[in-house]
Protein backbone atom coordinates (compact mmCIF):
# COMPACT_ATOMS: atom_id res chain seq x y z
CA MET A 1 -32.71 17.36 -14.38
CA ASP A 2 -31.42 19.90 -12.53
CA ILE A 3 -27.62 20.63 -12.81
CA THR A 4 -27.11 20.23 -8.77
CA LEU A 5 -28.33 16.61 -8.79
CA LEU A 6 -26.14 15.60 -11.68
CA ARG A 7 -23.09 17.40 -10.16
CA ILE A 8 -23.88 15.05 -6.80
CA ALA A 9 -24.57 12.15 -8.44
CA THR A 10 -20.90 12.35 -10.33
CA THR A 11 -19.43 12.92 -6.77
CA VAL A 12 -21.03 9.77 -5.89
CA VAL A 13 -20.07 7.89 -8.41
CA GLY A 14 -16.37 9.07 -8.29
CA PHE A 15 -16.06 8.24 -4.39
CA VAL A 16 -17.18 4.64 -5.36
CA CYS A 17 -14.93 4.11 -7.44
CA PHE A 18 -12.07 5.84 -5.68
CA LEU A 19 -13.21 3.63 -2.50
CA GLY A 20 -13.25 0.52 -5.21
CA ILE A 21 -9.78 1.38 -6.17
CA MET A 22 -8.24 1.42 -2.45
CA LEU A 23 -10.00 -1.97 -1.70
CA TRP A 24 -8.33 -3.22 -4.83
CA VAL A 25 -4.88 -1.72 -3.89
CA PHE A 26 -4.72 -2.59 -0.50
CA ASP A 27 -5.93 -5.75 -0.58
CA ARG A 28 -3.69 -8.50 1.11
CA LYS A 29 -3.84 -11.43 -1.34
CA LYS A 30 -2.37 -8.93 -3.92
CA THR A 31 0.44 -7.79 -2.00
CA GLN A 32 2.84 -10.11 -2.94
CA ARG A 33 2.06 -9.64 -6.79
CA PHE A 34 2.32 -5.73 -6.39
CA GLU A 35 5.55 -6.63 -4.64
CA GLU A 36 7.24 -8.37 -7.60
CA ALA A 37 5.78 -5.75 -10.30
CA SER A 38 7.79 -2.85 -7.94
CA GLN A 39 10.54 -4.49 -8.66
CA LEU A 40 10.54 -4.94 -12.44
CA PRO A 41 12.40 -1.98 -13.35
CA PHE A 42 15.57 -2.87 -11.17
CA LEU A 43 16.04 -6.37 -12.77
CA ASP A 44 18.74 -7.08 -15.24
CA GLU A 45 17.43 -9.13 -18.26
């Protein structure tokens, strides 16, 4: 296995993970949940 092939594979895997995270974060179904979680530090208990 050539080091260049390993670098290419690592880059592709990293990019796929990045795209997966972006799709998860910008999913419209989770917007309300993220909005509620963003307000947790400001709530008085």
